[in-house]
């Protein structure tokens, strides 16, 4: 009996000790978690993130005044400007102007109705006056020399409108009609003027064209935003019929583009690819004027070369980017650009491509990219581009 009581007492003691130890461990874990929770701070946006959020909200505000810093015309260089936007019911009015350090000038206005019929219908109208003083021209073809550069001036007035139907969020189809009055002339700047090669067979040289541009387009677009995206794709095609009744300079142009973005490991990396083709067609005894030929080069059409570096009747460019995200507002990218221009459509293949490799940095918000810097190296050395907007 005494032995039984001793065993029972020991069992009770051990059980109590185990329970006490378990309670103590639970209390220690709870205390440690409470201390850790006390040290945690909420995810607060940095000063730069707050600034970008303010800028993005300011730029997308239906009624506001804002500054612009680019996009005037390829080869314009740094082009500060100002514009205002005003919303009245379903209408959006935008008007502004810009002036570049190379004396390019632009004044524009647009009146859009972007959300008609529950976002199923969009109507756009716009007008613009442009004066470009030193647009580069290197000749026609895929093997021109950069030493043959001349400059020309281009003055234009455009007015037109379009209508787009969007039956679903990701698909749109529409048509447009516009008038383009274009006049080319001698160029300014440090390079020779195009006057020096007058009579050399440059198509449409010193012409005064009045184009009627009838267009049709369709697009599948499931990117997060045209201004910044990490996933989705764009597949678009547009057809333009450019008629000039006063000159033998009428032509037709087809633009086809594919973009695809593939996020990797919860969007820490993004693989992006893009293909763009522009091809023109003319009737007998017609030509495409040199200032309307498809071109290769620049921050959006091959970063290994300057704007308008190569021009001809047909053009293709292919771009691949490997992007990584070191912070919420900065993307880095390794990229390759490859492309060519040809006189014949059948020569749009993968032979004799102009290729360049580079690295880039982009500062962005959730839906826009106010600053992009790219450095590329190709056959003609290094090219540095600083601009706004996405590469594609």
Protein backbone atom coordinates (compact mmCIF):
# COMPACT_ATOMS: atom_id res chain seq x y z
CA UNK A 1 0.00 0.00 0.00
CA UNK A 2 2.82 2.39 0.86
CA UNK A 3 4.53 1.53 -2.40
CA UNK A 4 1.35 2.28 -4.37
CA UNK A 5 0.96 5.64 -2.62
CA UNK A 6 4.58 6.53 -3.40
CA UNK A 7 4.15 5.74 -7.12
CA UNK A 8 0.92 7.76 -7.26
CA UNK A 9 2.56 10.75 -5.60
CA UNK A 10 5.48 10.69 -8.03
CA UNK A 11 3.14 10.48 -11.03
CA UNK A 12 1.13 13.49 -9.82
CA UNK A 13 4.34 15.46 -9.22
CA UNK A 14 5.73 14.70 -12.67
CA UNK A 15 2.42 15.58 -14.34
CA UNK A 16 2.25 18.86 -12.48
CA UNK A 17 5.86 19.66 -13.36
CA UNK A 18 5.21 18.90 -17.06
CA UNK A 19 2.07 21.04 -17.09
CA UNK A 20 3.92 23.84 -15.34
CA UNK A 21 6.77 23.63 -17.87
CA UNK A 22 4.32 23.66 -20.79
CA UNK A 23 2.52 26.67 -19.34
CA UNK A 24 5.84 28.44 -18.87
CA UNK A 25 6.86 27.72 -22.51
CA UNK A 26 3.55 29.01 -23.83
CA UNK A 27 3.96 32.16 -21.76
CA UNK A 28 7.50 32.65 -23.09
CA UNK A 29 6.32 32.29 -26.70
CA UNK A 30 3.45 34.68 -26.12
CA UNK A 31 5.81 37.19 -24.49
CA UNK A 32 8.31 36.88 -27.39
CA UNK A 33 5.54 37.38 -29.96
CA UNK A 34 4.27 40.41 -28.08
CA UNK A 35 7.76 41.92 -28.01
CA UNK A 36 8.21 41.26 -31.75
CA UNK A 37 4.83 42.81 -32.52
CA UNK A 38 5.85 45.84 -30.54
CA UNK A 39 8.95 46.27 -32.68
CA UNK A 40 7.07 45.97 -36.03
CA UNK A 41 6.20 49.17 -37.89
CA UNK A 42 3.60 49.63 -40.60
CA UNK A 43 4.74 49.62 -44.27
CA UNK A 44 5.11 53.37 -44.76
CA UNK A 45 5.78 54.79 -48.23
CA UNK A 46 9.10 56.55 -48.69
CA UNK A 47 9.38 60.20 -49.64
CA UNK A 48 10.10 59.28 -53.28
CA UNK A 49 7.11 56.95 -53.39
CA UNK A 50 4.88 59.68 -51.99
CA UNK A 51 6.21 62.10 -54.60
CA UNK A 52 5.55 59.65 -57.44
CA UNK A 53 2.07 58.96 -56.11
CA UNK A 54 1.37 62.69 -56.00
CA UNK A 55 2.71 63.21 -59.54
CA UNK A 56 0.69 60.28 -60.88
CA UNK A 57 -2.47 61.53 -59.20
CA UNK A 58 -1.77 65.02 -60.46
CA UNK A 59 -1.24 63.86 -64.05
CA UNK A 60 -4.40 61.74 -64.03
CA UNK A 61 -6.55 64.37 -62.34
CA UNK A 62 -9.46 65.17 -64.71
CA UNK A 63 -8.90 68.92 -64.28
CA UNK A 64 -5.36 70.13 -63.74
CA UNK A 65 -2.37 72.04 -65.10
CA UNK A 66 0.82 70.03 -65.56
CA UNK A 67 4.34 70.18 -67.00
CA UNK A 68 5.70 68.00 -69.81
CA UNK A 69 9.32 67.15 -70.56
CA UNK A 70 9.39 65.19 -73.79
CA UNK A 71 7.45 63.53 -76.57
CA UNK A 72 7.44 66.59 -78.84
CA UNK A 73 8.95 64.80 -81.86
CA UNK A 74 11.76 62.26 -82.36
CA UNK A 75 15.14 64.06 -82.55
CA UNK A 76 13.73 67.12 -80.73
CA UNK A 77 15.85 66.52 -77.63
CA UNK A 78 14.82 67.85 -74.23
CA UNK A 79 11.49 69.60 -74.74
CA UNK A 80 9.84 71.19 -71.68
CA UNK A 81 6.25 72.29 -72.01
CA UNK A 82 3.00 72.92 -70.19
CA UNK A 83 -0.57 71.75 -70.67
CA UNK A 84 -3.92 71.76 -68.96
CA UNK A 85 -6.72 69.24 -68.76
CA UNK A 86 -10.35 70.03 -68.08
CA UNK A 87 -13.22 67.61 -67.50
CA UNK A 88 -16.82 68.52 -68.20
CA UNK A 89 -19.25 65.63 -67.95
CA UNK A 90 -18.07 62.88 -70.32
CA UNK A 91 -15.68 65.24 -72.18
CA UNK A 92 -11.95 65.66 -71.56
CA UNK A 93 -10.22 68.70 -73.02
CA UNK A 94 -6.41 68.87 -73.17
CA UNK A 95 -4.36 71.72 -74.61
CA UNK A 96 -0.70 72.60 -74.39
CA UNK A 97 2.58 73.37 -76.07
CA UNK A 98 6.28 72.58 -75.90
CA UNK A 99 9.59 74.04 -77.06
CA UNK A 100 12.83 72.07 -77.33
CA UNK A 101 16.43 73.19 -76.93
CA UNK A 102 16.80 72.53 -80.69
CA UNK A 103 14.02 75.04 -81.44
CA UNK A 104 11.35 72.42 -82.19
CA UNK A 105 7.90 73.80 -81.40
CA UNK A 106 4.50 72.22 -80.91
CA UNK A 107 1.01 73.42 -80.01
CA UNK A 108 -1.79 70.90 -79.62
CA UNK A 109 -5.31 70.32 -78.35
CA UNK A 110 -7.63 67.35 -78.05
CA UNK A 111 -11.23 66.78 -77.08
CA UNK A 112 -12.01 63.20 -76.05
CA UNK A 113 -15.03 61.30 -74.82
CA UNK A 114 -13.39 58.21 -73.26
CA UNK A 115 -16.23 56.64 -71.28
CA UNK A 116 -19.36 56.64 -73.40
CA UNK A 117 -21.91 53.82 -73.20
CA UNK A 118 -20.49 52.45 -69.95
CA UNK A 119 -16.90 52.48 -71.23
CA UNK A 120 -17.85 50.65 -74.43
CA UNK A 121 -17.33 53.61 -76.78
CA UNK A 122 -14.55 56.19 -77.06
CA UNK A 123 -14.38 59.20 -79.37
CA UNK A 124 -11.16 61.17 -79.82
CA UNK A 125 -10.46 64.39 -81.73
CA UNK A 126 -7.17 66.25 -81.90
CA UNK A 127 -5.31 69.04 -83.67
CA UNK A 128 -1.57 69.85 -83.66
CA UNK A 129 0.85 72.31 -85.22
CA UNK A 130 4.50 71.22 -85.35
CA UNK A 131 7.69 72.94 -86.44
CA UNK A 132 10.78 70.66 -86.47
CA UNK A 133 14.02 72.40 -87.40
CA UNK A 134 16.76 69.74 -87.73
CA UNK A 135 15.36 66.29 -88.43
CA UNK A 136 18.17 63.88 -89.44
CA UNK A 137 18.30 62.08 -92.78
CA UNK A 138 21.07 59.59 -93.61
CA UNK A 139 19.80 58.30 -96.93
CA UNK A 140 17.62 55.31 -97.77
CA UNK A 141 18.51 51.71 -97.02
CA UNK A 142 19.98 49.42 -94.38
CA UNK A 143 23.63 50.20 -95.15
CA UNK A 144 23.80 54.00 -95.06
CA UNK A 145 26.70 55.78 -93.36
CA UNK A 146 26.28 58.00 -90.33
CA UNK A 147 28.78 60.39 -91.95
CA UNK A 148 26.20 61.17 -94.67
CA UNK A 149 23.80 62.83 -92.26
CA UNK A 150 21.99 65.95 -93.37
CA UNK A 151 19.21 67.87 -91.63
CA UNK A 152 15.85 68.99 -92.91
CA UNK A 153 13.03 71.05 -91.52
CA UNK A 154 9.45 69.85 -91.28
CA UNK A 155 6.37 71.92 -90.64
CA UNK A 156 3.04 70.19 -90.26
CA UNK A 157 -0.58 70.71 -89.27
CA UNK A 158 -2.70 67.69 -88.31
CA UNK A 159 -6.40 67.49 -87.51
CA UNK A 160 -8.53 64.41 -87.14
CA UNK A 161 -10.57 62.07 -85.03
CA UNK A 162 -11.23 58.42 -84.30
CA UNK A 163 -13.88 56.22 -82.80
CA UNK A 164 -13.20 52.98 -80.92
CA UNK A 165 -15.60 50.31 -79.70
CA UNK A 166 -14.53 48.25 -76.68
CA UNK A 167 -16.92 45.32 -76.22
CA UNK A 168 -14.66 43.90 -73.50
CA UNK A 169 -11.94 45.44 -71.34
CA UNK A 170 -9.17 43.81 -73.38
CA UNK A 171 -10.42 44.18 -76.97
CA UNK A 172 -11.02 47.29 -79.08
CA UNK A 173 -11.70 48.01 -82.73
CA UNK A 174 -12.20 51.28 -84.53
CA UNK A 175 -11.49 53.69 -87.37
CA UNK A 176 -10.20 57.20 -87.87
CA UNK A 177 -9.98 60.04 -90.36
CA UNK A 178 -7.35 62.78 -90.33
CA UNK A 179 -5.88 65.52 -92.51
CA UNK A 180 -2.10 66.12 -92.59
CA UNK A 181 -0.58 69.19 -94.23
CA UNK A 182 3.19 68.64 -94.39
CA UNK A 183 5.89 70.88 -95.82
CA UNK A 184 9.61 70.01 -95.78
CA UNK A 185 12.44 72.50 -96.18
CA UNK A 186 16.13 73.04 -95.54
CA UNK A 187 17.41 72.10 -92.11
CA UNK A 188 19.29 73.90 -89.35
CA UNK A 189 21.91 72.69 -86.89
CA UNK A 190 25.56 71.76 -87.15
CA UNK A 191 25.09 69.16 -89.90
CA UNK A 192 24.65 70.13 -93.57
CA UNK A 193 21.17 70.99 -94.79
CA UNK A 194 19.35 68.61 -97.09
CA UNK A 195 19.63 71.36 -99.74
CA UNK A 196 23.17 70.12 -100.37
CA UNK A 197 21.90 66.82 -101.84
CA UNK A 198 19.01 68.30 -103.82
CA UNK A 199 18.61 66.55 -107.15
CA UNK A 200 19.97 63.26 -105.77
CA UNK A 201 16.70 61.37 -106.16
CA UNK A 202 15.35 61.75 -102.62
CA UNK A 203 11.64 60.86 -102.98
CA UNK A 204 9.26 63.73 -102.24
CA UNK A 205 12.00 66.28 -101.57
CA UNK A 206 10.64 69.83 -101.07
CA UNK A 207 7.03 68.80 -101.53
CA UNK A 208 3.89 70.32 -100.02
CA UNK A 209 1.58 67.41 -99.24
CA UNK A 210 -2.01 67.42 -98.04
CA UNK A 211 -2.82 63.89 -96.95
CA UNK A 212 -6.21 62.44 -96.18
CA UNK A 213 -5.46 59.63 -93.76
CA UNK A 214 -8.21 57.01 -93.45
CA UNK A 215 -7.36 54.33 -90.90
CA UNK A 216 -8.74 51.22 -89.23
CA UNK A 217 -7.34 49.42 -86.21
CA UNK A 218 -7.91 46.54 -83.80
CA UNK A 219 -6.11 45.54 -80.60
CA UNK A 220 -6.11 42.91 -77.89
CA UNK A 221 -4.59 44.57 -74.84
CA UNK A 222 -4.45 42.85 -71.45
CA UNK A 223 -1.52 44.74 -69.95
CA UNK A 224 -1.98 46.20 -66.49
CA UNK A 225 -1.44 49.68 -67.93
CA UNK A 226 0.11 51.08 -71.14
CA UNK A 227 2.35 53.26 -68.94
CA UNK A 228 3.76 50.42 -66.80
CA UNK A 229 3.08 46.72 -66.61
CA UNK A 230 4.65 43.50 -65.31
CA UNK A 231 2.29 41.05 -66.96
CA UNK A 232 -0.06 40.72 -69.91
CA UNK A 233 0.31 41.44 -73.60
CA UNK A 234 -0.62 43.64 -76.56
CA UNK A 235 -1.43 42.43 -80.08
CA UNK A 236 -2.42 45.23 -82.44
CA UNK A 237 -2.74 46.06 -86.12
CA UNK A 238 -3.50 49.35 -87.87
CA UNK A 239 -3.97 50.16 -91.57
CA UNK A 240 -3.53 53.68 -93.01
CA UNK A 241 -4.54 54.85 -96.47
CA UNK A 242 -2.64 58.10 -97.14
CA UNK A 243 -4.06 59.97 -100.14
CA UNK A 244 -2.49 63.11 -101.62
CA UNK A 245 -4.41 64.29 -104.65
CA UNK A 246 -1.90 67.06 -105.53
CA UNK A 247 1.27 64.91 -105.72
CA UNK A 248 2.26 61.34 -106.71
CA UNK A 249 3.03 60.66 -103.03
CA UNK A 250 0.05 58.54 -101.96
CA UNK A 251 0.75 55.29 -100.14
CA UNK A 252 -0.67 52.72 -97.76
CA UNK A 253 0.96 51.62 -94.49
CA UNK A 254 0.35 48.67 -92.15
CA UNK A 255 1.60 48.67 -88.54
CA UNK A 256 1.59 45.37 -86.64
CA UNK A 257 2.88 44.99 -83.09
CA UNK A 258 3.14 42.22 -80.49
CA UNK A 259 4.17 42.69 -76.85
CA UNK A 260 4.33 40.00 -74.17
CA UNK A 261 5.30 40.21 -70.49
CA UNK A 262 5.98 37.15 -68.34
CA UNK A 263 6.46 37.63 -64.57
CA UNK A 264 8.84 35.27 -62.75
CA UNK A 265 8.90 34.46 -59.00
CA UNK A 266 6.07 36.73 -57.86
CA UNK A 267 7.08 39.48 -60.31
CA UNK A 268 10.58 39.92 -58.89
CA UNK A 269 11.75 39.43 -62.48
CA UNK A 270 9.91 40.08 -65.74
CA UNK A 271 10.72 38.82 -69.22
CA UNK A 272 9.45 41.17 -71.94
CA UNK A 273 9.49 40.74 -75.72
CA UNK A 274 8.27 42.99 -78.49
CA UNK A 275 8.02 42.80 -82.27
CA UNK A 276 7.04 45.72 -84.51
CA UNK A 277 6.65 45.72 -88.29
CA UNK A 278 5.81 48.67 -90.55
CA UNK A 279 5.30 48.06 -94.22
CA UNK A 280 4.19 50.39 -97.05
CA UNK A 281 2.64 49.87 -100.44
CA UNK A 282 2.20 52.22 -103.44
CA UNK A 283 0.42 52.21 -106.76
CA UNK A 284 2.29 52.56 -110.06
CA UNK A 285 4.07 55.92 -110.46
CA UNK A 286 3.63 56.69 -106.75
CA UNK A 287 6.37 56.95 -104.09
CA UNK A 288 6.55 57.29 -100.32
CA UNK A 289 8.14 60.66 -99.42
CA UNK A 290 11.39 60.35 -97.49
CA UNK A 291 9.94 62.02 -94.38
CA UNK A 292 7.17 59.41 -94.19
CA UNK A 293 9.28 56.30 -94.71
CA UNK A 294 9.32 53.78 -91.84
CA UNK A 295 12.40 54.40 -89.69
CA UNK A 296 14.66 52.43 -87.35
CA UNK A 297 16.49 54.01 -84.40
CA UNK A 298 15.83 56.00 -81.24
CA UNK A 299 14.62 55.41 -77.71
CA UNK A 300 11.58 53.41 -78.85
CA UNK A 301 12.78 51.88 -82.14
CA UNK A 302 16.28 50.53 -81.53
CA UNK A 303 18.35 52.10 -78.79
CA UNK A 304 21.65 51.28 -80.47
CA UNK A 305 21.12 54.09 -82.98
CA UNK A 306 19.91 57.68 -83.19
CA UNK A 307 16.43 58.72 -84.34
CA UNK A 308 15.70 58.06 -88.05
CA UNK A 309 19.10 56.35 -88.47
CA UNK A 310 17.78 53.90 -91.11
CA UNK A 311 14.77 54.46 -93.40
CA UNK A 312 13.15 52.51 -96.20
CA UNK A 313 9.83 51.18 -97.44
CA UNK A 314 9.64 48.41 -94.82
CA UNK A 315 10.91 48.11 -91.23
CA UNK A 316 11.04 45.53 -88.45
CA UNK A 317 12.43 45.68 -84.91
CA UNK A 318 12.57 42.98 -82.23
CA UNK A 319 13.32 43.70 -78.57
CA UNK A 320 13.90 41.45 -75.59
CA UNK A 321 14.26 42.65 -71.99
CA UNK A 322 15.13 40.94 -68.72
CA UNK A 323 13.83 43.21 -65.96
CA UNK A 324 14.36 43.02 -62.22
CA UNK A 325 12.87 45.17 -59.48
CA UNK A 326 15.35 46.38 -56.82
CA UNK A 327 12.66 48.56 -55.21
CA UNK A 328 8.99 49.37 -55.58
CA UNK A 329 9.71 52.43 -57.75
CA UNK A 330 12.79 51.32 -59.71
CA UNK A 331 13.20 48.73 -62.46
CA UNK A 332 16.50 47.68 -64.00
CA UNK A 333 16.72 45.96 -67.37
CA UNK A 334 19.16 44.15 -69.61
CA UNK A 335 18.01 44.36 -73.21
CA UNK A 336 18.79 43.51 -76.80
CA UNK A 337 17.39 45.39 -79.81
CA UNK A 338 17.61 44.01 -83.36
CA UNK A 339 16.07 45.28 -86.57
CA UNK A 340 16.43 46.29 -90.20
CA UNK A 341 14.86 48.28 -93.04
CA UNK A 342 14.34 46.92 -96.53
CA UNK A 343 13.20 48.05 -99.96
CA UNK A 344 11.25 44.83 -100.53
CA UNK A 345 8.76 43.27 -98.14
CA UNK A 346 10.10 39.79 -98.82
CA UNK A 347 13.43 40.81 -97.28
CA UNK A 348 11.91 41.28 -93.81
CA UNK A 349 13.75 38.30 -92.36
CA UNK A 350 16.40 37.65 -89.69
CA UNK A 351 19.41 38.20 -91.94
CA UNK A 352 21.70 41.25 -91.62
CA UNK A 353 19.98 42.58 -88.51
CA UNK A 354 21.33 45.67 -86.76
CA UNK A 355 21.86 44.50 -83.18
CA UNK A 356 22.67 46.33 -79.95
CA UNK A 357 22.85 45.35 -76.27
CA UNK A 358 22.33 47.54 -73.24
CA UNK A 359 21.22 48.22 -69.70
CA UNK A 360 18.51 50.55 -68.46
CA UNK A 361 16.97 52.12 -65.37
CA UNK A 362 13.34 53.18 -65.03
CA UNK A 363 11.62 55.18 -62.30
CA UNK A 364 7.92 54.41 -62.27
CA UNK A 365 4.63 54.52 -60.43
CA UNK A 366 1.87 51.89 -60.57
CA UNK A 367 0.63 53.02 -64.00
CA UNK A 368 3.21 55.39 -65.50
CA UNK A 369 6.95 55.78 -66.12
CA UNK A 370 8.10 59.41 -65.85
CA UNK A 371 11.82 58.68 -66.37
CA UNK A 372 13.73 56.08 -68.36
CA UNK A 373 17.48 55.92 -69.01
CA UNK A 374 19.07 53.40 -71.39
CA UNK A 375 22.65 52.84 -72.53
CA UNK A 376 23.12 50.63 -75.60
CA UNK A 377 26.13 49.53 -77.62
CA UNK A 378 25.92 48.65 -81.30
CA UNK A 379 27.99 48.86 -84.46
CA UNK A 380 28.30 52.64 -84.14
CA UNK A 381 29.38 52.70 -80.50
CA UNK A 382 27.46 53.67 -77.39
CA UNK A 383 24.14 55.50 -77.41
CA UNK A 384 22.57 57.08 -74.31
CA UNK A 385 18.84 57.79 -74.16
CA UNK A 386 17.02 59.66 -71.42
CA UNK A 387 13.30 60.08 -71.87
CA UNK A 388 9.92 59.44 -70.31
CA UNK A 389 7.58 56.55 -70.99
CA UNK A 390 8.15 52.83 -71.39
CA UNK A 391 10.48 51.30 -73.98
CA UNK A 392 7.49 49.15 -75.01
